[in-house]
Protein backbone atom coordinates (compact mmCIF):
# COMPACT_ATOMS: atom_id res chain seq x y z
CA MET A 1 16.90 19.35 0.41
CA TYR A 2 19.07 17.65 2.99
CA ASP A 3 19.49 13.83 2.72
CA LEU A 4 18.49 12.41 6.16
CA PHE A 5 19.57 9.02 4.98
CA LYS A 6 23.17 10.17 5.64
CA GLU A 7 22.41 10.80 9.37
CA ASP A 8 23.33 8.56 12.19
CA PHE A 9 21.15 5.48 12.40
CA LEU A 10 20.27 5.39 16.06
CA VAL A 11 19.93 9.15 16.46
CA THR A 12 17.53 9.17 13.49
CA GLY A 13 15.55 6.22 14.98
CA GLU A 14 15.30 8.00 18.36
CA LYS A 15 14.06 11.20 16.77
CA ALA A 16 11.41 9.27 14.79
CA ASP A 17 10.36 7.28 17.86
CA ALA A 18 10.01 10.56 19.85
CA LEU A 19 7.81 12.01 17.12
CA ARG A 20 5.67 8.84 17.09
CA ARG A 21 5.24 9.13 20.85
CA THR A 22 4.23 12.73 20.54
CA MET A 23 1.63 11.91 17.99
CA TRP A 24 0.32 8.58 19.33
CA ASP A 25 1.84 7.97 22.75
CA LYS A 26 1.95 4.14 23.10
CA LYS A 27 -0.83 3.32 20.64
CA VAL A 28 -0.12 1.04 17.66
CA PHE A 29 -2.86 0.37 15.29
CA TYR A 30 -3.90 -2.86 13.48
CA VAL A 31 -6.92 -3.76 11.33
CA ASN A 32 -8.81 -7.08 10.56
CA ASN A 33 -8.54 -6.88 6.75
CA LEU A 34 -8.63 -9.07 3.65
CA HIS A 35 -6.45 -8.50 0.56
CA ILE A 36 -8.15 -9.36 -2.72
CA ASN A 37 -6.12 -9.64 -5.93
CA TYR A 38 -8.79 -10.04 -8.52
CA THR A 39 -6.41 -10.77 -11.33
CA ASP A 40 -2.67 -11.12 -12.00
CA ILE A 41 -3.11 -10.71 -15.70
CA CYS A 42 -1.40 -7.26 -16.52
CA VAL A 43 -0.36 -5.39 -19.60
CA SER A 44 2.35 -3.47 -17.73
CA LYS A 45 5.57 -5.22 -17.68
CA CYS A 46 7.22 -3.83 -14.43
CA ARG A 47 10.73 -5.26 -13.97
CA PHE A 48 10.35 -5.48 -10.25
CA CYS A 49 7.15 -7.51 -10.38
CA ALA A 50 6.91 -11.26 -9.92
CA PHE A 51 3.03 -11.29 -9.79
CA ALA A 52 1.98 -10.30 -13.35
CA LYS A 53 1.05 -12.83 -16.04
CA ASP A 54 -0.12 -12.69 -19.62
CA GLU A 55 -3.71 -13.30 -20.66
CA GLY A 56 -3.97 -16.84 -21.77
CA ASP A 57 -1.23 -18.04 -19.36
CA GLU A 58 -2.44 -21.30 -17.88
CA SER A 59 -1.51 -20.25 -14.37
CA ALA A 60 -3.09 -16.81 -14.60
CA VAL A 61 -5.86 -15.84 -12.22
CA PHE A 62 -9.05 -13.85 -12.87
CA MET A 63 -12.00 -13.65 -10.50
CA ASP A 64 -15.45 -12.58 -11.60
CA VAL A 65 -17.78 -10.66 -9.30
CA ASP A 66 -19.38 -13.81 -7.85
CA ASP A 67 -15.95 -15.32 -7.21
CA ILE A 68 -14.84 -12.32 -5.24
CA ILE A 69 -18.04 -12.19 -3.17
CA ASN A 70 -17.65 -15.91 -2.40
CA TYR A 71 -13.98 -15.43 -1.50
CA VAL A 72 -14.93 -12.68 0.98
CA SER A 73 -17.73 -14.75 2.44
CA SER A 74 -15.34 -17.77 3.02
CA LYS A 75 -12.31 -15.83 4.23
CA ALA A 76 -13.30 -12.65 6.01
CA ALA A 77 -16.52 -12.82 8.08
CA ASN A 78 -14.95 -10.54 10.65
CA ALA A 79 -12.87 -8.27 8.46
CA SER A 80 -13.76 -4.52 8.55
CA GLU A 81 -11.76 -3.67 5.47
CA LEU A 82 -11.42 -5.12 1.97
CA HIS A 83 -8.20 -4.10 0.17
CA ILE A 84 -8.64 -4.69 -3.55
CA VAL A 85 -5.91 -4.34 -6.18
CA GLY A 86 -5.09 -6.15 -9.35
CA GLY A 87 -3.35 -6.14 -12.69
CA LEU A 88 -4.24 -4.06 -15.68
CA HIS A 89 -6.39 -6.63 -17.61
CA PRO A 90 -6.28 -6.08 -21.40
CA SER A 91 -9.86 -7.17 -22.17
CA LYS A 92 -12.19 -6.35 -19.28
CA LYS A 93 -14.64 -3.51 -19.69
CA PHE A 94 -14.99 -0.67 -17.19
CA SER A 95 -18.40 -2.08 -16.13
CA TYR A 96 -16.71 -5.08 -14.64
CA TYR A 97 -15.03 -2.90 -12.11
CA ILE A 98 -18.08 -0.91 -11.25
CA ASP A 99 -20.11 -4.20 -10.91
CA MET A 100 -17.31 -5.49 -8.52
CA ILE A 101 -17.64 -2.55 -6.08
CA LYS A 102 -21.49 -2.47 -6.26
CA GLY A 103 -21.59 -6.26 -5.67
CA LEU A 104 -19.27 -6.16 -2.71
CA LYS A 105 -20.99 -3.14 -1.10
CA SER A 106 -24.34 -4.82 -1.59
CA ALA A 107 -23.18 -8.12 -0.08
CA PHE A 108 -21.01 -6.54 2.70
CA PRO A 109 -22.42 -3.08 3.59
CA GLU A 110 -20.59 -3.01 6.93
CA LYS A 111 -17.12 -3.51 5.34
CA THR A 112 -15.03 -0.58 4.10
CA ILE A 113 -13.99 -0.97 0.40
CA LYS A 114 -10.51 0.34 -0.21
CA ALA A 115 -9.83 -0.38 -3.82
CA PHE A 116 -7.62 0.36 -6.83
CA SER A 117 -4.23 2.00 -7.02
CA ALA A 118 -3.73 5.26 -8.95
CA VAL A 119 -2.24 3.08 -11.82
CA GLU A 120 -5.52 1.12 -12.05
CA ILE A 121 -7.64 4.35 -11.90
CA ASP A 122 -5.57 5.81 -14.73
CA TYR A 123 -6.11 2.68 -16.75
CA PHE A 124 -9.83 2.65 -16.07
CA SER A 125 -9.93 6.27 -17.26
CA SER A 126 -8.34 5.17 -20.49
CA ILE A 127 -10.60 2.16 -21.18
CA ALA A 128 -13.77 4.09 -20.25
CA GLY A 129 -12.83 7.23 -22.08
CA LEU A 130 -13.61 9.25 -19.01
CA PRO A 131 -11.68 11.91 -16.94
CA VAL A 132 -10.18 10.50 -13.76
CA ALA A 133 -12.66 12.66 -11.66
CA ASP A 134 -15.60 11.03 -13.37
CA VAL A 135 -14.15 7.58 -12.87
CA LEU A 136 -13.71 8.27 -9.16
CA LYS A 137 -17.25 9.73 -8.87
CA ARG A 138 -18.66 6.56 -10.40
CA PHE A 139 -16.70 4.32 -8.06
CA LYS A 140 -17.66 6.38 -5.05
CA ASN A 141 -21.32 6.13 -6.03
CA ALA A 142 -20.82 2.35 -6.31
CA GLY A 143 -19.43 2.07 -2.80
CA LEU A 144 -15.73 2.77 -2.98
CA GLU A 145 -14.63 4.59 0.15
CA MET A 146 -10.92 4.72 0.10
CA MET A 147 -7.84 4.08 -2.16
CA PRO A 148 -4.67 2.24 -1.39
CA GLY A 149 -1.27 3.83 -2.15
CA GLY A 150 0.32 1.43 -4.52
CA GLY A 151 1.96 2.26 -7.89
CA ALA A 152 4.12 5.10 -6.57
CA GLU A 153 7.30 2.99 -6.58
CA ILE A 154 10.09 5.82 -6.68
CA PHE A 155 8.97 9.04 -8.31
CA GLU A 156 12.50 9.79 -9.83
CA PRO A 157 12.13 9.48 -13.69
CA ARG A 158 15.49 7.91 -14.06
CA VAL A 159 14.50 5.09 -11.76
CA ARG A 160 11.02 4.64 -13.18
CA LYS A 161 12.57 4.26 -16.73
CA GLU A 162 14.64 1.31 -15.49
CA ILE A 163 12.18 -0.54 -13.19
CA CYS A 164 8.75 0.34 -14.56
CA PRO A 165 8.94 2.10 -18.05
CA GLU A 166 5.37 1.40 -18.89
CA LYS A 167 3.85 2.72 -15.67
CA ILE A 168 2.31 6.13 -15.34
CA PRO A 169 4.75 8.90 -14.42
CA ALA A 170 5.04 10.35 -10.98
CA GLU A 171 3.09 13.43 -11.97
CA ARG A 172 0.17 11.39 -13.02
CA TRP A 173 0.20 9.34 -9.76
CA LEU A 174 0.07 12.51 -7.77
CA GLU A 175 -2.63 13.95 -10.00
CA VAL A 176 -4.83 10.87 -9.49
CA HIS A 177 -4.40 11.10 -5.68
CA GLU A 178 -5.06 14.86 -5.64
CA THR A 179 -8.21 14.30 -7.67
CA ALA A 180 -9.32 11.50 -5.28
CA HIS A 181 -8.76 13.87 -2.30
CA LYS A 182 -10.93 16.60 -4.08
CA GLU A 183 -13.64 14.03 -4.53
CA GLY A 184 -13.61 13.23 -0.76
CA ILE A 185 -11.79 9.95 -1.11
CA LEU A 186 -8.94 9.50 1.31
CA THR A 187 -5.86 7.56 0.20
CA ASN A 188 -2.60 6.04 1.35
CA ALA A 189 0.84 6.49 -0.22
CA THR A 190 3.81 4.18 -0.74
CA MET A 191 7.47 4.09 -1.70
CA LEU A 192 9.19 0.97 -3.05
CA TYR A 193 12.80 1.04 -1.97
CA GLY A 194 15.84 -1.22 -1.91
CA HIS A 195 16.56 -1.56 -5.66
CA ILE A 196 18.43 1.04 -7.77
CA GLU A 197 17.31 4.22 -6.00
CA THR A 198 19.60 6.59 -4.05
CA GLY A 199 19.01 8.29 -0.80
CA GLU A 200 18.31 11.51 -2.64
CA ASP A 201 15.75 9.75 -4.82
CA LYS A 202 13.92 8.66 -1.54
CA MET A 203 14.14 12.09 -0.08
CA ARG A 204 12.62 13.67 -3.28
CA HIS A 205 9.80 11.03 -3.20
CA LEU A 206 9.00 11.81 0.40
CA GLU A 207 9.01 15.60 -0.26
CA LYS A 208 6.50 15.17 -3.09
CA ILE A 209 4.17 13.23 -0.88
CA ARG A 210 4.58 15.87 1.83
CA GLU A 211 3.88 18.78 -0.57
CA LEU A 212 0.65 17.09 -1.88
CA GLN A 213 -0.37 16.40 1.82
CA GLU A 214 0.12 20.06 2.67
CA LYS A 215 -2.23 20.96 -0.16
CA THR A 216 -5.04 18.35 0.32
CA LYS A 217 -4.63 16.63 3.74
CA GLY A 218 -5.96 13.53 2.03
CA PHE A 219 -3.25 10.91 2.90
CA LEU A 220 -4.11 8.82 5.98
CA ALA A 221 -1.01 6.66 5.97
CA PHE A 222 2.43 6.21 4.28
CA ILE A 223 3.83 2.72 3.73
CA PRO A 224 7.49 2.24 2.89
CA LEU A 225 7.67 -1.03 0.87
CA SER A 226 10.91 -3.08 0.98
CA PHE A 227 11.65 -4.56 -2.46
CA HIS A 228 11.73 -8.38 -2.82
CA PRO A 229 13.90 -9.26 -5.95
CA GLU A 230 13.24 -13.06 -6.29
CA ASN A 231 11.55 -14.16 -9.49
CA THR A 232 11.84 -10.57 -10.97
CA PHE A 233 14.12 -9.10 -13.73
CA LEU A 234 15.93 -7.38 -10.94
CA SER A 235 16.77 -10.68 -9.02
CA HIS A 236 20.43 -9.83 -9.14
CA ILE A 237 19.87 -6.99 -6.68
CA LYS A 238 20.54 -7.75 -3.03
CA PRO A 239 17.49 -7.06 -0.71
CA ALA A 240 17.61 -4.09 1.62
CA THR A 241 19.21 -4.75 4.94
CA GLY A 242 17.34 -4.57 8.33
CA MET A 243 19.23 -1.26 8.85
CA ASP A 244 18.01 0.06 5.59
CA ASP A 245 14.44 -0.86 6.41
CA LEU A 246 14.44 0.71 9.85
CA MET A 247 16.27 3.89 8.57
CA THR A 248 13.64 4.21 5.77
CA VAL A 249 10.79 3.96 8.31
CA ALA A 250 12.43 6.51 10.57
CA VAL A 251 13.17 9.05 7.86
CA SER A 252 9.68 8.61 6.43
CA ARG A 253 8.15 9.43 9.89
CA LEU A 254 10.46 12.55 10.25
CA VAL A 255 9.79 13.99 6.73
CA LEU A 256 6.10 13.16 6.70
CA ASP A 257 5.16 14.66 10.02
CA ASN A 258 1.97 15.89 8.27
CA VAL A 259 0.84 12.39 7.46
CA PRO A 260 -0.95 10.83 10.42
CA HIS A 261 0.32 7.21 10.18
CA ILE A 262 3.45 5.32 9.14
CA LYS A 263 2.98 1.59 8.56
CA ALA A 264 5.48 -1.13 9.38
CA TYR A 265 4.20 -3.46 6.61
CA TRP A 266 5.04 -6.77 8.14
CA VAL A 267 4.51 -8.64 4.91
CA MET A 268 7.54 -6.98 3.28
CA LEU A 269 9.60 -6.25 6.38
CA GLY A 270 9.13 -9.55 8.03
CA GLU A 271 7.44 -9.85 11.42
CA LYS A 272 10.52 -9.30 13.46
CA THR A 273 11.80 -6.22 11.66
CA ALA A 274 8.22 -4.76 11.58
CA GLN A 275 8.03 -5.11 15.32
CA ILE A 276 11.36 -3.19 15.79
CA ALA A 277 10.10 -0.57 13.33
CA LEU A 278 7.45 0.31 15.85
CA ARG A 279 10.31 1.90 17.87
CA PHE A 280 11.72 3.62 14.70
CA GLY A 281 8.66 5.85 13.95
CA ALA A 282 5.92 3.39 12.75
CA ASP A 283 2.54 3.41 14.60
CA ASP A 284 0.69 0.89 12.49
CA LEU A 285 1.25 -2.82 11.56
CA ASP A 286 -1.42 -3.01 8.88
CA GLY A 287 -3.53 -6.05 9.40
CA THR A 288 -4.50 -9.70 9.31
CA ILE A 289 -4.47 -9.67 5.41
CA ILE A 290 -5.56 -13.32 5.44
CA LYS A 291 -3.69 -14.23 2.21
CA GLU A 292 -1.03 -12.01 0.61
CA ASN A 293 -0.03 -12.97 -2.99
CA ILE A 294 2.01 -10.15 -4.59
CA THR A 295 5.04 -10.04 -2.25
CA HIS A 296 5.03 -13.76 -1.79
CA ALA A 297 5.36 -14.22 -5.54
CA ALA A 298 8.66 -12.36 -5.20
CA GLY A 299 9.98 -14.64 -2.39
CA ALA A 300 8.69 -13.13 0.80
CA LYS A 301 9.28 -15.43 3.71
CA SER A 302 6.79 -13.74 6.12
CA SER A 303 3.44 -15.36 6.81
CA GLN A 304 0.69 -14.94 4.32
CA GLY A 305 -1.61 -13.78 7.04
CA LEU A 306 -1.67 -13.20 10.79
CA THR A 307 -4.34 -13.48 13.38
CA GLU A 308 -5.49 -10.56 15.53
CA ASP A 309 -3.85 -12.24 18.59
CA GLU A 310 -0.49 -12.49 16.66
CA LEU A 311 -0.68 -8.78 15.86
CA LYS A 312 -1.60 -7.79 19.29
CA ASN A 313 1.21 -9.85 20.85
CA MET A 314 3.72 -8.32 18.44
CA ILE A 315 2.69 -4.87 19.65
CA LEU A 316 2.51 -5.86 23.39
CA ALA A 317 6.01 -7.38 23.19
CA ALA A 318 7.38 -4.06 21.92
CA GLY A 319 6.02 -2.49 25.12
CA LEU A 320 3.24 -0.68 23.21
CA GLU A 321 -0.66 -0.55 23.25
CA PRO A 322 -2.58 -2.47 20.51
CA VAL A 323 -5.54 -0.52 19.07
CA LYS A 324 -7.91 -2.28 16.78
CA ARG A 325 -9.04 0.16 14.04
CA ASP A 326 -11.09 0.36 10.85
CA ALA A 327 -9.79 1.65 7.50
CA PHE A 328 -10.21 5.26 8.70
CA TYR A 329 -8.35 4.63 11.96
CA ARG A 330 -11.48 4.78 13.99
CA THR A 331 -11.14 2.59 17.03
CA ILE A 332 -13.11 -0.66 17.10
CA SER A 333 -13.95 -1.86 20.58
């Protein structure tokens, strides 16, 4: 396995941009979406996380099903996608999560529900005493249509032992996503970089995503996530540079030529770097988000949400063509 992160920065960027143009011409996608973090209470103590709190903490957040429905009603009348993730709550029963999806689908049948990371699905499997496939079947019947890609972090065991020792291993993350694909649930994938990983660690991570995609064709998008260290146990680590961010986007596009979309996730990159990343292999800016909480708890300086006009203007200023999409990358007129 050759480490593309050792290659020339501009040459790699040009190659990634050429591949993006071959795949998508001038199109850059964005979505009107809402992020919902139903709780920050979490039993997993990841060292890179500034979001999680203990049950009983006065500042902890938990939303019941009615709270979530009311939140969507007040914030996202025009959103086509609901992106739902949360902590691993120590005392909520599996029925709460099923009721959440049922309630949202009943209240907002026109919105795509993209919910629960592989880590959450594994946790639900444990508390329900059910195989992952059965958990996914029940969620699909309740109205879940897609899964996000969080919880992958870096697959290298040495790194996981240091930054998220209690989180499921890479093999389990990949197994959950493979099972979702077999159940007809498309997913995304991510990689958290800019902490203690090496270029080789990132390459191995990308190769594992590529291998599963060859097998299932179930990943729609890959999202490189730039680590924000503020308010975490890894706060001594300097954040990734702009060069690191752009190189990671470019290498991701080149290695994952079998994954349709690479996101320039503006929340973690910042709006300006995300805009430049559109010329380094990325073809998607994600979306409006409305109110992002997890990365901002770790000191993100980007906006908590952007308007459709702001997203379109970012794309146009890069000399590219904005395309409004839904969760499945179907064009919305």
